[in-house]
Protein backbone atom coordinates (compact mmCIF):
# COMPACT_ATOMS: atom_id res chain seq x y z
CA MET A 1 12.03 24.22 -69.53
CA SER A 2 12.11 20.28 -69.92
CA ALA A 3 9.07 18.16 -69.72
CA ALA A 4 10.74 16.48 -66.59
CA SER A 5 11.20 19.60 -64.93
CA GLN A 6 7.54 20.81 -65.74
CA ALA A 7 6.12 17.45 -64.25
CA ALA A 8 8.12 17.97 -61.12
CA GLN A 9 6.68 21.37 -60.58
CA ASP A 10 3.32 20.22 -61.54
CA ILE A 11 3.43 17.50 -58.67
CA ALA A 12 4.99 20.04 -56.09
CA ALA A 13 1.86 22.15 -56.50
CA MET A 14 -0.72 19.33 -55.73
CA SER A 15 -2.31 19.00 -52.68
CA PHE A 16 -1.86 15.64 -50.89
CA GLU A 17 -5.24 14.31 -51.81
CA ASP A 18 -4.84 15.20 -55.43
CA ALA A 19 -1.52 13.36 -55.66
CA LEU A 20 -2.74 10.52 -53.86
CA ALA A 21 -5.75 10.31 -56.17
CA GLU A 22 -3.61 10.38 -59.22
CA LEU A 23 -1.36 7.93 -57.73
CA GLU A 24 -4.21 5.43 -57.10
CA ARG A 25 -5.22 6.03 -60.80
CA ILE A 26 -1.87 5.26 -62.10
CA VAL A 27 -1.42 1.94 -59.78
CA LYS A 28 -4.90 0.63 -61.18
CA ALA A 29 -3.81 1.48 -64.50
CA LEU A 30 -0.64 -0.47 -64.21
CA GLU A 31 -2.21 -3.32 -62.76
CA GLY A 32 -4.36 -3.64 -65.50
CA GLY A 33 -1.45 -4.18 -67.70
CA GLN A 34 -3.06 -2.81 -70.97
CA GLN A 35 -0.43 0.01 -71.16
CA LYS A 36 2.27 -0.02 -74.12
CA LEU A 37 5.75 -0.41 -72.22
CA GLU A 38 6.94 3.08 -72.76
CA ASP A 39 3.63 4.27 -71.30
CA ALA A 40 3.88 2.11 -68.38
CA ILE A 41 7.39 3.02 -67.71
CA GLY A 42 6.39 6.82 -67.77
CA ALA A 43 3.43 6.17 -65.55
CA TYR A 44 5.52 4.33 -62.93
CA GLU A 45 8.15 7.25 -63.06
CA ARG A 46 5.29 9.88 -62.31
CA GLY A 47 3.68 7.28 -59.66
CA ALA A 48 7.29 7.33 -57.94
CA ALA A 49 7.30 11.13 -57.94
CA LEU A 50 3.76 10.93 -56.59
CA ARG A 51 4.45 8.74 -53.72
CA ALA A 52 7.82 10.93 -52.65
CA HIS A 53 5.54 13.90 -52.94
CA CYS A 54 2.87 12.20 -50.84
CA GLU A 55 5.30 11.17 -48.25
CA ALA A 56 7.12 14.59 -47.79
CA LYS A 57 3.45 16.14 -47.38
CA LEU A 58 2.71 13.23 -44.67
CA ALA A 59 5.93 14.36 -42.95
CA GLU A 60 5.30 17.75 -43.13
CA ALA A 61 1.87 17.38 -41.30
CA ASP A 62 3.45 15.11 -38.78
CA GLN A 63 5.79 17.56 -37.77
CA ARG A 64 3.19 20.35 -37.57
CA VAL A 65 1.08 17.71 -35.38
CA GLN A 66 4.16 17.21 -33.03
CA ALA A 67 4.59 20.70 -32.59
CA ILE A 68 1.50 21.14 -30.86
CA VAL A 69 1.41 20.58 -27.19
CA ALA A 70 -1.61 20.42 -24.67
CA GLY A 71 -1.28 22.66 -21.70
CA ALA A 72 -2.51 21.53 -18.14
CA ASP A 73 -5.68 23.58 -18.57
CA GLY A 74 -6.30 21.80 -21.94
CA SER A 75 -5.48 24.67 -23.82
CA LEU A 76 -3.23 23.61 -27.29
CA SER A 77 -0.22 25.79 -28.33
CA LEU A 78 2.62 25.37 -30.55
CA LYS A 79 5.98 23.91 -29.14
CA THR A 80 8.73 26.60 -29.11
CA GLU A 81 12.35 25.78 -29.44
CA ASN A 82 14.48 26.52 -26.74
């Protein structure tokens, strides 16, 4: 397995919170400007993958929330497709 596919699997298994925390660490490190160019490029690439992962997790959560509907009696249920 290549390093890139291993990294992609690693990110895919992360929770939203873990991915966001790592992304924040990468951004701070890049803003610091103390990394070697190759390291900065690798960090940027990982950060881009983490950002995409976080966006996908948020979209998934939004779809789940949108599927919840409130009944007239205040009860909650899942929206069903017609």
